[in-house]
Amino acid sequence: MTRQPDPEDRFINDVSISAYLDALADVCKRLEAMGSIARNAQSRVHGTAGQYWQGYVDAVSA
């Protein structure tokens, strides 16, 4: 005999997936903001520090 799906299970799974996607979108926005900060800082910095920031921007953008 198979177990009938509980409607509550579906609700919990939908809420969990929605919360996960919201959190993932928030992380993406934060990473995008960090990349923007790094690009702005890199435009004001020269030499070795500028190369450091470019590496950071490349890592965040990847």
C-alpha atoms as a PDB file:
ATOM      1  CA  MET A   1       0.000   0.000   0.000  1.00  0.00           C
ATOM      2  CA  THR A   2       1.450   3.349  -1.023  1.00  0.00           C
ATOM      3  CA  ARG A   3       1.270   6.406   1.142  1.00  0.00           C
ATOM      4  CA  GLN A   4      -1.022   9.119  -0.140  1.00  0.00           C
ATOM      5  CA  PRO A   5       0.715  12.480  -0.488  1.00  0.00           C
ATOM      6  CA  ASP A   6      -0.139  14.849   2.324  1.00  0.00           C
ATOM      7  CA  PRO A   7      -1.257  18.286   1.053  1.00  0.00           C
ATOM      8  CA  GLU A   8       0.755  19.827   3.922  1.00  0.00           C
ATOM      9  CA  ASP A   9       3.947  18.270   2.517  1.00  0.00           C
ATOM     10  CA  ARG A  10       3.436  20.040  -0.780  1.00  0.00           C
ATOM     11  CA  PHE A  11       2.809  23.348   0.985  1.00  0.00           C
ATOM     12  CA  ILE A  12       5.979  22.971   3.067  1.00  0.00           C
ATOM     13  CA  ASN A  13       8.034  22.050  -0.003  1.00  0.00           C
ATOM     14  CA  ASP A  14       6.675  24.999  -2.010  1.00  0.00           C
ATOM     15  CA  VAL A  15       7.421  27.385   0.849  1.00  0.00           C
ATOM     16  CA  SER A  16      10.915  25.926   1.293  1.00  0.00           C
ATOM     17  CA  ILE A  17      11.692  26.228  -2.420  1.00  0.00           C
ATOM     18  CA  SER A  18      10.350  29.776  -2.499  1.00  0.00           C
ATOM     19  CA  ALA A  19      12.438  30.752   0.545  1.00  0.00           C
ATOM     20  CA  TYR A  20      15.519  29.134  -1.016  1.00  0.00           C
ATOM     21  CA  LEU A  21      15.040  31.016  -4.291  1.00  0.00           C
ATOM     22  CA  ASP A  22      14.519  34.297  -2.419  1.00  0.00           C
ATOM     23  CA  ALA A  23      17.735  33.715  -0.472  1.00  0.00           C
ATOM     24  CA  LEU A  24      19.597  32.816  -3.662  1.00  0.00           C
ATOM     25  CA  ALA A  25      18.372  36.006  -5.363  1.00  0.00           C
ATOM     26  CA  ASP A  26      19.553  38.012  -2.335  1.00  0.00           C
ATOM     27  CA  VAL A  27      23.016  36.426  -2.526  1.00  0.00           C
ATOM     28  CA  CYS A  28      23.220  37.242  -6.247  1.00  0.00           C
ATOM     29  CA  LYS A  29      22.281  40.875  -5.594  1.00  0.00           C
ATOM     30  CA  ARG A  30      24.931  41.126  -2.870  1.00  0.00           C
ATOM     31  CA  LEU A  31      27.602  39.637  -5.141  1.00  0.00           C
ATOM     32  CA  GLU A  32      26.619  42.051  -7.900  1.00  0.00           C
ATOM     33  CA  ALA A  33      26.912  44.969  -5.459  1.00  0.00           C
ATOM     34  CA  MET A  34      30.325  43.725  -4.285  1.00  0.00           C
ATOM     35  CA  GLY A  35      31.497  43.575  -7.903  1.00  0.00           C
ATOM     36  CA  SER A  36      30.268  47.121  -8.465  1.00  0.00           C
ATOM     37  CA  ILE A  37      32.144  48.334  -5.383  1.00  0.00           C
ATOM     38  CA  ALA A  38      35.280  46.549  -6.564  1.00  0.00           C
ATOM     39  CA  ARG A  39      35.022  48.080 -10.049  1.00  0.00           C
ATOM     40  CA  ASN A  40      34.572  51.572  -8.588  1.00  0.00           C
ATOM     41  CA  ALA A  41      37.544  51.108  -6.265  1.00  0.00           C
ATOM     42  CA  GLN A  42      39.667  49.681  -9.068  1.00  0.00           C
ATOM     43  CA  SER A  43      39.051  52.762 -11.185  1.00  0.00           C
ATOM     44  CA  ARG A  44      40.643  54.859  -8.392  1.00  0.00           C
ATOM     45  CA  VAL A  45      43.587  52.557  -7.682  1.00  0.00           C
ATOM     46  CA  HIS A  46      46.696  52.072  -9.811  1.00  0.00           C
ATOM     47  CA  GLY A  47      49.552  49.546 -10.014  1.00  0.00           C
ATOM     48  CA  THR A  48      49.582  46.296  -8.073  1.00  0.00           C
ATOM     49  CA  ALA A  49      46.494  47.200  -6.045  1.00  0.00           C
ATOM     50  CA  GLY A  50      44.616  47.791  -9.289  1.00  0.00           C
ATOM     51  CA  GLN A  51      45.601  44.335 -10.496  1.00  0.00           C
ATOM     52  CA  TYR A  52      44.364  42.879  -7.188  1.00  0.00           C
ATOM     53  CA  TRP A  53      40.971  44.529  -7.643  1.00  0.00           C
ATOM     54  CA  GLN A  54      40.762  43.348 -11.249  1.00  0.00           C
ATOM     55  CA  GLY A  55      41.347  39.783 -10.068  1.00  0.00           C
ATOM     56  CA  TYR A  56      38.614  40.256  -7.471  1.00  0.00           C
ATOM     57  CA  VAL A  57      36.197  41.646 -10.070  1.00  0.00           C
ATOM     58  CA  ASP A  58      36.965  38.756 -12.423  1.00  0.00           C
ATOM     59  CA  ALA A  59      36.355  36.260  -9.610  1.00  0.00           C
ATOM     60  CA  VAL A  60      33.048  37.860  -8.614  1.00  0.00           C
ATOM     61  CA  SER A  61      31.884  38.217 -12.216  1.00  0.00           C
ATOM     62  CA  ALA A  62      32.647  34.594 -13.092  1.00  0.00           C
END
